[in-house]
Amino acid sequence: MKSSHKTIIRNAALSAAVTAALGATAAQAGEKKLLSDEEFAKAQQVYFDRCAGCHGTLRKGATGPSLEPERMKKFGTAALEAIIFNGTPGGMPSWGKDGIMSKEETTLMAKYIQMEPPQPPERSLGDIRKSWKVLVPPEQRPSKPEHDYDVQNLFGVVLRDAGKVAIIDGDSKKIISIVPTGYAVHILRSSSSGRYFLAIGRDGKATLIDLYMKEPGVVAEVKPCSDARSIDVSKYKGYEDKLAIVGCYWPPHIAILDGLTLEPKKLVSTRGYTVTDGTYHPEPRVASIVANHFKPEWLVSVKETGQVWSVDYSDLNNLKVIMMDAAPFLHDGGFDASGRYFQVAANMANKMVIIDSKEDKLEAIIDVSTKPHPGRTANWVDPKYGPVTGATHIGAAEYVVWGSDPEKHPEHAWKVVYTVKTKGSGSLFTKTHPNSDKVWFDHALNKDAKIQQTVCYFLKKDPKHQIHCQRLADHGRAVHFEYNKAGDEVWVSIWDKKDNPSEIVIIDDKTGKVKQRIKDKRLITPTGKWNVHNTVGDIY
């Protein structure tokens, strides 16, 4: 990535006023000797793009360690440059070595994290409403698809550094449209009907994409946050798509929106006290959100405090929130196969947290391996242990599997039943499908380039859990899986630098062999992919 004023404008995560305020903060602290105001603004942008997700806006640490100035000054600029350039065994990418950050940016960052962290401004409901736009009102949207594509087999593919989402037909593999969204979209969620994709960008911009349009495009947008990762809709019977929710990294709050227009309705702060020692935390970020199948509620993972919230959306004027103590730092997760139990990683505690969404209570906490990073997890039926769930890990060469059926297999429920040895640490995502006999996983953050480009699977019925691996490309990183509607193809992104060609590799799931590659100059830094059918049904 090449730093420039265009980068700052493109992201638009912080307004010019905020950037000026950040420079003022540095000046007040008497630290301009390290960076000029212009350099400070550039460094702040690079930090936001590459570092804030793991280390926090205020640099207090989460998935990554604390980067607060007193600690960083002990390392010194040269040592910090080396760490940033080469990465760490714990899973931090080798930003400089991989060519993602320039030498100038590496030096800027080494100096920047020795300075006091700036605090971006809060966002009121009034501020958020100013960003709200309805581009096509609901009554003017098509009543049925204006094309012949199977909406249920459409894919949304995140084009991370382009700030766009590609809508691709799962049958013909044709790119139907390239939709402008927020920068570095983290996740797409389908509406309960499957008609819409909801996207949330790292810059806090939420967009509603109508898949019925001849060329699917944005029909509404709003910016509830400066930094965000999660979004979902109301799915309970009688509330389908009436509301949406965005979970913010900064400001630390949830924003409840109208489901068809994204009109801002309500804000709820997530600031509070940690479950470990009751320390007040000023920046508890929302890591993941899922829609409860049993009640009109969302389950919200509050990262730093270690709580899972059950947010009842049936009456916004008398909002009810149940706070379930779990473990820090909560990250991503998904339901078990029954749709009752939410399984979310507490990655810095090396645990998986299990929440009973029907009873709104903590069900169990499972010790797994180092830094679990399961994506939405993977569910399947093991011939010996019954229904199980598996998770990949950033910090260990292990794929951990636990029982997830307390009804019929209580002897195995919430216990690790076996571990599969992978090709190395740095795994980010896993995936399977009820129609597949395989469980897939990647190694996207491994330090070895060849392993980064390698994906593996093991057979669900293989008692030895032998892994079968293949290198998908000689460039970039192979990352994130998604099945098609039928469950007979699995799609993998080859995520390269912004200026390099990327692609999507389609694997025949029955044979495990590559059957097709989607190559197009518009596929800039493809990462996550979501199929409408699988996303609506929480199939993973």
Protein backbone atom coordinates (compact mmCIF):
# COMPACT_ATOMS: atom_id res chain seq x y z
CA MET A 1 0.00 0.00 0.00
CA LYS A 2 1.33 3.43 -0.93
CA SER A 3 0.49 6.22 1.46
CA SER A 4 -0.92 9.42 0.00
CA HIS A 5 -3.46 12.12 0.59
CA LYS A 6 -5.71 10.08 -1.70
CA THR A 7 -5.61 7.27 0.86
CA ILE A 8 -6.89 9.62 3.54
CA ILE A 9 -9.62 10.99 1.30
CA ARG A 10 -10.58 7.51 0.09
CA ASN A 11 -11.09 6.12 3.55
CA ALA A 12 -12.84 9.18 4.91
CA ALA A 13 -12.72 7.55 8.34
CA LEU A 14 -11.85 10.85 9.96
CA SER A 15 -12.92 14.28 8.84
CA ALA A 16 -10.48 17.10 8.20
CA ALA A 17 -11.55 18.59 11.52
CA VAL A 18 -10.69 15.38 13.31
CA THR A 19 -7.30 15.14 11.62
CA ALA A 20 -6.57 18.69 12.73
CA ALA A 21 -7.62 17.77 16.24
CA LEU A 22 -5.26 14.81 16.20
CA GLY A 23 -2.39 17.05 15.17
CA ALA A 24 -3.33 19.42 17.98
CA THR A 25 -3.25 16.52 20.41
CA ALA A 26 0.30 15.70 19.37
CA ALA A 27 1.33 19.33 19.63
CA GLN A 28 -0.17 19.69 23.11
CA ALA A 29 1.82 16.68 24.22
CA GLY A 30 5.01 18.28 22.94
CA GLU A 31 5.71 15.35 20.64
CA LYS A 32 6.08 17.06 17.28
CA LYS A 33 9.76 16.24 17.45
CA LEU A 34 8.83 12.68 16.38
CA LEU A 35 6.33 13.53 13.63
CA SER A 36 5.12 16.68 11.94
CA ASP A 37 1.38 17.38 11.84
CA GLU A 38 1.22 16.05 8.28
CA GLU A 39 3.20 12.93 9.17
CA PHE A 40 1.03 12.41 12.25
CA ALA A 41 -2.14 12.54 10.12
CA LYS A 42 -0.65 10.05 7.64
CA ALA A 43 0.42 7.71 10.44
CA GLN A 44 -2.99 7.90 12.07
CA GLN A 45 -4.59 6.83 8.80
CA VAL A 46 -2.19 3.91 8.34
CA TYR A 47 -2.84 2.83 11.93
CA PHE A 48 -6.57 2.92 11.33
CA ASP A 49 -6.27 0.92 8.10
CA ARG A 50 -3.88 -1.76 9.34
CA CYS A 51 -3.57 -1.82 13.13
CA ALA A 52 -6.66 -0.57 15.00
CA GLY A 53 -8.63 -3.78 14.46
CA CYS A 54 -6.28 -5.83 16.65
CA HIS A 55 -4.76 -3.19 18.93
CA GLY A 56 -7.73 -0.85 19.44
CA THR A 57 -8.36 2.78 18.57
CA LEU A 58 -6.88 3.85 21.90
CA ARG A 59 -4.12 1.21 21.53
CA LYS A 60 -5.03 -0.59 24.74
CA GLY A 61 -4.77 -3.97 23.03
CA ALA A 62 -7.11 -6.89 22.35
CA THR A 63 -6.19 -9.59 19.81
CA GLY A 64 -2.86 -7.75 19.60
CA PRO A 65 -0.97 -6.42 22.64
CA SER A 66 -1.19 -2.92 24.07
CA LEU A 67 0.65 -0.28 22.03
CA GLU A 68 0.43 2.47 24.63
CA PRO A 69 3.32 4.98 24.50
CA GLU A 70 5.07 4.16 27.77
CA ARG A 71 5.46 0.55 26.69
CA MET A 72 6.45 1.39 23.12
CA LYS A 73 9.13 3.89 24.14
CA LYS A 74 10.99 1.06 25.88
CA PHE A 75 11.44 -0.67 22.50
CA GLY A 76 12.66 2.38 20.61
CA THR A 77 12.11 3.30 16.97
CA ALA A 78 14.57 0.86 15.38
CA ALA A 79 13.23 -2.19 17.20
CA LEU A 80 9.62 -1.21 16.48
CA GLU A 81 10.43 -0.76 12.79
CA ALA A 82 11.87 -4.28 12.70
CA ILE A 83 8.80 -5.77 14.40
CA ILE A 84 6.38 -3.98 12.07
CA PHE A 85 8.41 -4.89 9.00
CA ASN A 86 8.87 -8.59 9.84
CA GLY A 87 5.70 -9.36 11.82
CA THR A 88 5.51 -11.64 14.86
CA PRO A 89 5.00 -15.37 15.53
CA GLY A 90 1.73 -14.48 17.29
CA GLY A 91 0.02 -13.73 14.00
CA MET A 92 0.82 -10.11 13.16
CA PRO A 93 1.47 -9.85 9.41
CA SER A 94 4.91 -8.90 8.11
CA TRP A 95 3.62 -5.56 6.87
CA GLY A 96 6.85 -4.36 5.30
CA LYS A 97 8.23 -7.69 4.13
CA ASP A 98 4.95 -8.44 2.35
CA GLY A 99 4.96 -5.05 0.67
CA ILE A 100 1.70 -3.94 2.30
CA MET A 101 3.35 -1.03 4.11
CA SER A 102 6.15 1.03 2.59
CA LYS A 103 9.42 1.73 4.41
CA GLU A 104 8.18 5.27 5.02
CA GLU A 105 4.96 3.97 6.56
CA THR A 106 6.86 1.49 8.71
CA THR A 107 8.99 4.32 10.11
CA LEU A 108 5.95 6.55 10.60
CA MET A 109 4.18 3.81 12.51
CA ALA A 110 7.19 3.06 14.72
CA LYS A 111 7.27 6.72 15.77
CA TYR A 112 3.50 7.16 15.93
CA ILE A 113 2.93 4.42 18.51
CA GLN A 114 5.43 6.11 20.82
CA MET A 115 3.15 9.17 20.90
CA GLU A 116 -0.07 9.65 22.81
CA PRO A 117 -3.00 8.03 20.97
CA PRO A 118 -5.56 10.50 19.65
CA GLN A 119 -9.19 9.95 20.56
CA PRO A 120 -11.63 10.45 17.68
CA PRO A 121 -14.87 12.30 18.46
CA GLU A 122 -18.09 10.68 19.60
CA ARG A 123 -21.02 10.45 17.18
CA SER A 124 -24.47 11.52 18.34
CA LEU A 125 -27.73 10.37 16.80
CA GLY A 126 -27.91 13.81 15.18
CA ASP A 127 -24.41 13.42 13.69
CA ILE A 128 -25.35 10.03 12.30
CA ARG A 129 -28.59 11.29 10.78
CA LYS A 130 -26.59 13.81 8.74
CA SER A 131 -24.86 10.91 6.98
CA TRP A 132 -28.10 9.03 6.24
CA LYS A 133 -29.17 8.77 2.60
CA VAL A 134 -32.05 6.89 0.98
CA LEU A 135 -31.03 6.61 -2.67
CA VAL A 136 -34.05 4.55 -3.72
CA PRO A 137 -37.11 4.64 -1.41
CA PRO A 138 -38.69 1.24 -0.65
CA GLU A 139 -41.82 2.03 -2.65
CA GLN A 140 -39.70 2.72 -5.76
CA ARG A 141 -37.75 -0.52 -5.59
CA PRO A 142 -38.67 -3.44 -7.89
CA SER A 143 -41.34 -5.82 -6.61
CA LYS A 144 -39.53 -8.82 -8.15
CA PRO A 145 -36.07 -9.47 -9.61
CA GLU A 146 -35.32 -7.50 -12.76
CA HIS A 147 -32.98 -10.27 -13.96
CA ASP A 148 -33.01 -14.03 -14.43
CA TYR A 149 -30.29 -14.88 -11.89
CA ASP A 150 -31.09 -17.13 -8.95
CA VAL A 151 -30.99 -14.59 -6.10
CA GLN A 152 -30.42 -17.38 -3.60
CA ASN A 153 -27.20 -18.36 -5.39
CA LEU A 154 -25.72 -14.88 -5.71
CA PHE A 155 -22.41 -14.17 -3.98
CA GLY A 156 -21.27 -10.93 -2.40
CA VAL A 157 -17.47 -10.63 -2.52
CA VAL A 158 -15.65 -7.98 -0.51
CA LEU A 159 -13.09 -5.97 -2.52
CA ARG A 160 -11.33 -4.74 0.56
CA ASP A 161 -8.98 -1.95 -0.47
CA ALA A 162 -11.24 -0.77 -3.29
CA GLY A 163 -14.11 -0.04 -0.89
CA LYS A 164 -16.48 -2.08 -3.04
CA VAL A 165 -18.44 -5.34 -3.15
CA ALA A 166 -18.70 -7.54 -6.24
CA ILE A 167 -22.03 -9.28 -6.84
CA ILE A 168 -21.33 -12.54 -8.70
CA ASP A 169 -23.75 -15.10 -10.10
CA GLY A 170 -23.01 -18.48 -8.57
CA ASP A 171 -24.25 -20.34 -11.65
CA SER A 172 -22.55 -18.53 -14.54
CA LYS A 173 -19.71 -17.06 -12.43
CA LYS A 174 -20.43 -13.71 -14.09
CA ILE A 175 -19.70 -10.48 -12.22
CA ILE A 176 -23.10 -8.78 -12.31
CA SER A 177 -22.14 -5.51 -10.66
CA ILE A 178 -19.43 -3.77 -8.64
CA VAL A 179 -21.08 -1.85 -5.80
CA PRO A 180 -19.42 1.07 -3.98
CA THR A 181 -19.60 0.57 -0.20
CA GLY A 182 -17.59 1.58 2.84
CA TYR A 183 -13.84 1.03 2.89
CA ALA A 184 -12.58 -2.47 3.81
CA VAL A 185 -15.97 -4.08 4.30
CA HIS A 186 -15.64 -6.59 7.11
CA ILE A 187 -18.81 -8.59 6.67
CA LEU A 188 -21.95 -8.95 4.57
CA ARG A 189 -25.20 -10.15 6.06
CA SER A 190 -28.30 -11.14 4.11
CA SER A 191 -31.74 -9.87 4.96
CA SER A 192 -34.09 -12.58 6.21
CA SER A 193 -35.79 -12.58 2.80
CA GLY A 194 -32.47 -12.82 0.94
CA ARG A 195 -33.34 -9.77 -1.12
CA TYR A 196 -30.74 -7.46 0.38
CA PHE A 197 -27.09 -7.61 1.37
CA LEU A 198 -26.10 -5.36 4.26
CA ALA A 199 -22.44 -4.32 4.24
CA ILE A 200 -20.43 -2.64 6.99
CA GLY A 201 -17.08 -0.99 6.24
CA ARG A 202 -14.10 -0.45 8.47
CA ASP A 203 -14.86 3.26 8.09
CA GLY A 204 -18.21 2.72 9.82
CA LYS A 205 -20.31 3.14 6.68
CA ALA A 206 -23.29 0.80 6.33
CA THR A 207 -24.86 0.15 2.93
CA LEU A 208 -28.02 -1.66 1.87
CA ILE A 209 -27.64 -3.46 -1.48
CA ASP A 210 -30.79 -4.46 -3.39
CA LEU A 211 -30.24 -7.74 -5.26
CA TYR A 212 -33.54 -7.42 -7.16
CA MET A 213 -32.23 -4.53 -9.27
CA LYS A 214 -31.09 -5.29 -12.81
CA GLU A 215 -27.63 -4.29 -11.66
CA PRO A 216 -27.64 -4.72 -7.87
CA GLY A 217 -26.73 -1.47 -6.17
CA VAL A 218 -26.95 0.62 -3.01
CA VAL A 219 -30.44 1.83 -2.08
CA ALA A 220 -29.58 3.32 1.35
CA GLU A 221 -26.50 4.20 3.39
CA VAL A 222 -25.54 5.66 6.76
CA LYS A 223 -22.38 6.10 8.85
CA PRO A 224 -23.06 5.22 12.51
CA CYS A 225 -19.38 4.88 13.41
CA SER A 226 -15.83 5.91 12.55
CA ASP A 227 -14.78 2.26 12.71
CA ALA A 228 -16.97 -0.84 12.61
CA ARG A 229 -17.00 -4.59 11.99
CA SER A 230 -20.52 -6.03 12.41
CA ILE A 231 -24.05 -5.69 11.09
CA ASP A 232 -27.23 -7.75 11.03
CA VAL A 233 -31.00 -7.51 10.66
CA SER A 234 -34.04 -8.54 12.70
CA LYS A 235 -35.02 -12.08 11.70
CA TYR A 236 -37.55 -13.27 14.28
CA LYS A 237 -41.04 -14.06 12.98
CA GLY A 238 -43.08 -10.87 12.68
CA TYR A 239 -39.97 -8.64 12.74
CA GLU A 240 -38.30 -9.82 9.54
CA ASP A 241 -36.06 -7.05 8.17
CA LYS A 242 -37.87 -4.32 10.11
CA LEU A 243 -34.69 -3.30 11.93
CA ALA A 244 -30.93 -3.50 11.46
CA ILE A 245 -28.08 -3.17 13.94
CA VAL A 246 -24.50 -1.98 13.53
CA GLY A 247 -21.80 -2.74 16.09
CA CYS A 248 -19.11 -0.09 16.28
CA TYR A 249 -15.45 -0.19 17.20
CA TRP A 250 -15.47 3.60 17.57
CA PRO A 251 -17.42 5.12 19.15
CA PRO A 252 -18.01 2.04 21.31
CA HIS A 253 -21.74 1.67 20.81
CA ILE A 254 -24.45 -0.19 18.93
CA ALA A 255 -26.68 1.66 16.50
CA ILE A 256 -30.19 0.40 15.75
CA LEU A 257 -31.52 1.36 12.31
CA ASP A 258 -34.62 0.96 10.18
CA GLY A 259 -34.16 -2.27 8.23
CA LEU A 260 -35.36 -0.99 4.85
CA THR A 261 -34.00 2.56 4.88
CA LEU A 262 -31.16 2.46 7.48
CA GLU A 263 -32.70 5.46 9.25
CA PRO A 264 -30.94 5.81 12.66
CA LYS A 265 -33.28 4.92 15.53
CA LYS A 266 -31.30 4.39 18.72
CA LEU A 267 -27.76 4.33 20.16
CA VAL A 268 -26.57 2.27 23.12
CA SER A 269 -23.08 2.70 24.59
CA THR A 270 -21.04 -0.45 25.28
CA ARG A 271 -18.64 1.19 27.74
CA GLY A 272 -18.43 -0.68 31.00
CA TYR A 273 -16.47 -2.97 33.31
CA THR A 274 -14.48 -6.07 32.41
CA VAL A 275 -15.57 -9.53 33.51
CA THR A 276 -12.04 -10.33 34.69
CA ASP A 277 -11.29 -7.75 37.39
CA GLY A 278 -14.09 -5.21 37.09
CA THR A 279 -11.86 -2.55 35.55
CA TYR A 280 -13.64 0.23 33.68
CA HIS A 281 -12.88 0.10 29.98
CA PRO A 282 -13.37 3.20 27.79
CA GLU A 283 -13.38 1.33 24.47
CA PRO A 284 -15.34 -1.96 24.55
CA ARG A 285 -15.82 -2.64 20.85
CA VAL A 286 -18.58 -4.70 19.25
CA ALA A 287 -16.94 -7.67 17.56
CA SER A 288 -19.79 -9.78 16.19
CA ILE A 289 -23.58 -9.87 16.04
CA VAL A 290 -26.01 -12.67 15.22
CA ALA A 291 -29.81 -12.64 15.05
CA ASN A 292 -31.54 -14.91 17.56
CA HIS A 293 -33.80 -17.57 16.00
CA PHE A 294 -35.94 -18.01 19.13
CA LYS A 295 -36.71 -14.44 20.20
CA PRO A 296 -36.76 -10.87 18.82
CA GLU A 297 -33.18 -10.36 19.94
CA TRP A 298 -29.66 -9.89 18.70
CA LEU A 299 -26.65 -11.46 20.40
CA VAL A 300 -23.87 -8.87 20.58
CA SER A 301 -20.26 -9.72 21.48
CA VAL A 302 -18.63 -6.89 23.42
CA LYS A 303 -14.95 -7.49 22.88
CA GLU A 304 -12.97 -5.90 25.72
CA THR A 305 -15.43 -6.33 28.59
CA GLY A 306 -15.94 -9.99 27.69
CA GLN A 307 -19.73 -9.87 27.75
CA VAL A 308 -22.30 -11.18 25.31
CA TRP A 309 -25.38 -8.98 25.25
CA SER A 310 -28.85 -10.13 24.34
CA VAL A 311 -30.55 -7.02 22.91
CA ASP A 312 -34.36 -7.25 22.75
CA TYR A 313 -35.55 -5.16 19.79
CA SER A 314 -39.30 -5.69 20.32
CA ASP A 315 -39.69 -2.30 22.07
CA LEU A 316 -37.00 0.30 21.34
CA ASN A 317 -38.54 2.78 23.79
CA ASN A 318 -38.09 0.29 26.61
CA LEU A 319 -35.00 -1.51 25.41
CA LYS A 320 -34.03 -4.63 27.37
CA VAL A 321 -30.44 -5.81 27.42
CA ILE A 322 -29.24 -8.96 29.19
CA MET A 323 -25.50 -8.92 29.88
CA MET A 324 -23.94 -12.38 30.03
CA ASP A 325 -20.43 -12.54 31.49
CA ALA A 326 -18.06 -14.63 29.38
CA ALA A 327 -14.34 -13.99 28.70
CA PRO A 328 -12.16 -11.44 26.85
CA PHE A 329 -11.48 -10.63 24.11
CA LEU A 330 -14.58 -11.73 22.23
CA HIS A 331 -14.24 -11.87 18.47
CA ASP A 332 -16.21 -13.79 15.82
CA GLY A 333 -18.44 -16.82 15.92
CA GLY A 334 -21.69 -18.40 14.80
CA PHE A 335 -24.46 -20.80 15.73
CA ASP A 336 -24.27 -24.55 16.14
CA ALA A 337 -26.21 -26.64 13.60
CA SER A 338 -29.44 -26.38 15.62
CA GLY A 339 -29.30 -22.57 15.60
CA ARG A 340 -29.70 -22.44 19.38
CA TYR A 341 -26.16 -22.09 20.68
CA PHE A 342 -24.00 -19.09 19.77
CA GLN A 343 -20.32 -20.11 19.79
CA VAL A 344 -17.93 -17.16 19.90
CA ALA A 345 -14.16 -17.01 20.28
CA ALA A 346 -12.55 -15.27 23.25
CA ASN A 347 -9.29 -15.29 21.36
CA MET A 348 -6.88 -13.83 23.91
CA ALA A 349 -8.23 -16.15 26.60
CA ASN A 350 -7.82 -19.15 24.24
CA LYS A 351 -11.42 -20.14 24.79
CA MET A 352 -14.70 -20.63 22.96
CA VAL A 353 -17.76 -19.20 24.70
CA ILE A 354 -21.12 -20.95 24.31
CA ILE A 355 -24.33 -18.93 24.78
CA ASP A 356 -27.78 -20.55 24.96
CA SER A 357 -29.83 -18.12 22.86
CA LYS A 358 -33.13 -19.73 23.85
CA GLU A 359 -32.51 -19.21 27.56
CA ASP A 360 -30.28 -16.12 27.31
CA LYS A 361 -27.55 -17.55 29.50
CA LEU A 362 -23.94 -18.64 29.43
CA GLU A 363 -23.92 -22.36 28.62
CA ALA A 364 -20.20 -23.18 28.75
CA ILE A 365 -16.64 -21.97 28.21
CA ILE A 366 -14.30 -24.35 26.39
CA ASP A 367 -10.50 -24.27 26.56
CA VAL A 368 -9.17 -24.57 23.02
CA SER A 369 -5.79 -23.59 21.55
CA THR A 370 -3.91 -20.31 21.02
CA LYS A 371 -5.96 -17.43 19.55
CA PRO A 372 -9.01 -19.18 18.09
CA HIS A 373 -10.25 -17.43 14.95
CA PRO A 374 -13.18 -19.50 13.69
CA GLY A 375 -15.00 -17.08 11.42
CA ARG A 376 -18.58 -18.28 11.76
CA THR A 377 -17.24 -21.76 12.78
CA ALA A 378 -18.01 -25.02 10.95
CA ASN A 379 -20.65 -27.59 11.95
CA TRP A 380 -20.96 -31.24 10.94
CA VAL A 381 -21.92 -34.68 12.24
CA ASP A 382 -19.02 -36.86 13.34
CA PRO A 383 -19.64 -40.64 13.14
CA LYS A 384 -18.33 -41.13 16.69
CA TYR A 385 -19.21 -37.94 18.55
CA GLY A 386 -22.38 -36.77 16.80
CA PRO A 387 -22.84 -33.05 16.01
CA VAL A 388 -19.57 -31.18 16.45
CA THR A 389 -18.12 -27.74 15.74
CA GLY A 390 -14.58 -26.82 14.72
CA ALA A 391 -12.36 -23.76 14.86
CA THR A 392 -9.09 -22.62 13.32
CA HIS A 393 -6.38 -20.79 15.30
CA ILE A 394 -4.06 -17.89 14.57
CA GLY A 395 -1.48 -18.82 17.16
CA ALA A 396 -1.21 -22.61 16.83
CA ALA A 397 -0.98 -25.28 14.13
CA GLU A 398 -4.15 -26.87 15.46
CA TYR A 399 -7.74 -27.26 14.36
CA VAL A 400 -9.84 -27.96 17.46
CA VAL A 401 -13.16 -29.85 17.40
CA TRP A 402 -15.72 -30.04 20.23
CA GLY A 403 -19.11 -31.67 20.73
CA SER A 404 -22.05 -29.31 20.24
CA ASP A 405 -25.19 -31.36 20.89
CA PRO A 406 -26.18 -31.30 24.59
CA GLU A 407 -29.59 -32.81 23.78
CA LYS A 408 -28.64 -36.18 22.27
CA HIS A 409 -24.90 -36.35 22.99
CA PRO A 410 -24.48 -34.73 26.42
CA GLU A 411 -21.37 -36.79 27.18
CA HIS A 412 -19.48 -34.93 24.42
CA ALA A 413 -21.18 -31.54 24.61
CA TRP A 414 -18.83 -28.56 25.10
CA LYS A 415 -15.78 -30.82 25.39
CA VAL A 416 -12.86 -31.00 22.97
CA VAL A 417 -13.16 -34.38 21.26
CA TYR A 418 -10.15 -34.21 18.95
CA THR A 419 -7.53 -31.91 17.44
CA VAL A 420 -6.28 -31.91 13.85
CA LYS A 421 -2.68 -30.91 13.15
CA THR A 422 -2.52 -28.24 10.43
CA LYS A 423 0.39 -27.08 8.24
CA GLY A 424 1.13 -24.21 10.61
CA SER A 425 -0.29 -21.33 12.60
CA GLY A 426 -2.03 -18.36 11.02
CA SER A 427 -5.34 -19.97 10.13
CA LEU A 428 -8.22 -17.52 9.85
CA PHE A 429 -11.24 -19.34 8.47
CA THR A 430 -12.95 -22.70 8.26
CA LYS A 431 -15.99 -23.86 6.32
CA THR A 432 -18.14 -26.86 5.51
CA HIS A 433 -21.65 -27.56 4.23
CA PRO A 434 -24.28 -30.20 5.09
CA ASN A 435 -23.91 -31.62 1.56
CA SER A 436 -20.11 -31.87 1.82
CA ASP A 437 -17.94 -34.63 3.25
CA LYS A 438 -15.07 -32.17 3.85
CA VAL A 439 -14.03 -29.52 6.36
CA TRP A 440 -11.84 -26.77 4.85
CA PHE A 441 -9.39 -24.35 6.47
CA ASP A 442 -6.79 -21.79 5.36
CA HIS A 443 -3.37 -20.55 6.60
CA ALA A 444 -3.62 -16.92 5.47
CA LEU A 445 -1.44 -15.42 8.22
CA ASN A 446 1.29 -18.06 8.21
CA LYS A 447 4.81 -16.63 7.79
CA ASP A 448 5.67 -18.95 4.90
CA ALA A 449 4.35 -17.61 1.58
CA LYS A 450 3.76 -21.09 0.18
CA ILE A 451 1.71 -22.06 3.22
CA GLN A 452 -0.24 -18.79 3.01
CA GLN A 453 -1.30 -19.87 -0.46
CA THR A 454 -2.30 -23.36 0.68
CA VAL A 455 -5.73 -24.61 1.74
CA CYS A 456 -6.49 -27.97 3.30
CA TYR A 457 -9.39 -30.21 4.18
CA PHE A 458 -10.03 -33.35 6.17
CA LEU A 459 -12.87 -35.80 5.70
CA LYS A 460 -15.63 -35.76 8.29
CA LYS A 461 -15.71 -39.56 8.50
CA ASP A 462 -11.95 -40.14 8.55
CA PRO A 463 -11.10 -41.36 12.08
CA LYS A 464 -7.44 -40.35 11.56
CA HIS A 465 -8.37 -36.85 10.28
CA GLN A 466 -5.61 -36.86 7.66
CA ILE A 467 -5.33 -33.47 5.98
CA HIS A 468 -5.27 -33.03 2.19
CA CYS A 469 -3.66 -29.80 1.02
CA GLN A 470 -3.06 -27.89 -2.18
CA ARG A 471 -1.38 -24.65 -3.05
CA LEU A 472 -3.90 -22.57 -4.97
CA ALA A 473 -1.64 -19.82 -6.33
CA ASP A 474 1.94 -18.59 -6.46
CA HIS A 475 0.97 -15.11 -5.26
CA GLY A 476 -1.10 -13.46 -2.54
CA ARG A 477 -2.87 -15.32 0.27
CA ALA A 478 -5.60 -17.94 0.01
CA VAL A 479 -8.29 -16.79 2.42
CA HIS A 480 -11.93 -17.35 3.38
CA PHE A 481 -14.30 -20.02 2.08
CA GLU A 482 -17.88 -19.98 0.91
CA TYR A 483 -20.02 -22.69 -0.64
CA ASN A 484 -22.52 -22.25 -3.41
CA LYS A 485 -26.21 -22.92 -2.79
CA ALA A 486 -25.96 -26.61 -3.75
CA GLY A 487 -22.94 -27.19 -1.52
CA ASP A 488 -20.89 -28.78 -4.32
CA GLU A 489 -18.48 -25.88 -4.90
CA VAL A 490 -16.30 -24.00 -2.44
CA TRP A 491 -14.98 -20.54 -3.37
CA VAL A 492 -11.63 -19.23 -2.08
CA SER A 493 -10.15 -15.73 -2.44
CA ILE A 494 -6.58 -15.19 -3.60
CA TRP A 495 -5.98 -11.88 -1.82
CA ASP A 496 -3.01 -9.99 -3.20
CA LYS A 497 -1.83 -6.40 -2.84
CA LYS A 498 -3.99 -3.68 -4.30
CA ASP A 499 -1.77 -3.19 -7.34
CA ASN A 500 -1.39 -6.91 -8.06
CA PRO A 501 -3.87 -9.25 -9.79
CA SER A 502 -6.16 -11.15 -7.44
CA GLU A 503 -8.64 -13.89 -8.22
CA ILE A 504 -11.31 -16.23 -6.89
CA VAL A 505 -10.63 -19.95 -7.09
CA ILE A 506 -13.60 -22.32 -7.34
CA ILE A 507 -13.01 -25.87 -6.12
CA ASP A 508 -15.11 -28.92 -6.98
CA ASP A 509 -15.96 -30.02 -3.45
CA LYS A 510 -16.45 -33.67 -4.41
CA THR A 511 -12.96 -34.08 -5.87
CA GLY A 512 -11.21 -31.30 -3.96
CA LYS A 513 -9.71 -30.05 -7.23
CA VAL A 514 -9.77 -26.59 -8.79
CA LYS A 515 -12.47 -26.37 -11.48
CA GLN A 516 -12.45 -22.67 -12.36
CA ARG A 517 -10.78 -19.34 -11.66
CA ILE A 518 -12.52 -15.97 -11.80
CA LYS A 519 -9.96 -13.42 -12.96
CA ASP A 520 -10.96 -9.84 -13.57
CA LYS A 521 -9.08 -6.56 -13.10
CA ARG A 522 -12.03 -5.31 -11.06
CA LEU A 523 -11.41 -7.98 -8.40
CA ILE A 524 -9.15 -5.79 -6.25
CA THR A 525 -8.10 -7.40 -2.94
CA PRO A 526 -11.01 -9.88 -2.67
CA THR A 527 -11.41 -11.26 0.84
CA GLY A 528 -14.70 -12.43 2.40
CA LYS A 529 -17.48 -14.00 0.32
CA TRP A 530 -21.10 -14.67 1.23
CA ASN A 531 -23.68 -16.76 -0.61
CA VAL A 532 -27.27 -15.58 -0.09
CA HIS A 533 -28.76 -19.02 0.59
CA ASN A 534 -26.11 -20.00 3.11
CA THR A 535 -26.08 -16.63 4.85
CA VAL A 536 -29.87 -16.47 5.23
CA GLY A 537 -29.91 -19.98 6.68
CA ASP A 538 -26.80 -19.61 8.90
CA ILE A 539 -25.33 -22.59 7.07
CA TYR A 540 -21.71 -23.11 8.00
